[in-house]
């Protein structure tokens, strides 16, 4: 289980730390009881005891797992989508920026084909869909796609400076 996955699982478990939380974090990630006990380094006897003495634990390790697994899946998908979407926007920016600053004739065939396909995705309908996915903003503070793009560009430049 990756560090990000473990953090998400831990964040949705109502136990802050300890063996119960560690065990349940594996259960939420679809590990079996036996796998979860081994990974959390607890005995099945301890798990049975927790079920008998802790009603909340018994619920979570039983019927409550379905809802927690659904929540885990949604949060994990949101995180992965956001990470990947950021990389897509970065790639889009790099090709577009090169095209504008250096000219289309400098683009490789691959970049040119990418640019042609890219243009189809920058439509008012797609922007509306992206806004909806990202929460859409509010009347007081509307979603600002330009700020998102500039933030991504600044982060990219900071990474380039660090790598030099």
Foldseek 3Di string as FASTA:
>chain_A
DDPVLLVLLLVLDPDNDDLLSQLLSVVLVVDDNVVSCVVSVHDVVVLVVCLVPPVVSVCCSPVVSVVSNVVSVVVVVLVVVVVVVLVVLVLLCVLVVCCVPVNPVPDDPVSNVVNVVVVVCPDPVNVVVVLVSVVQQDPVGGDDVVVVSVVSVVVVVVVVVVVD
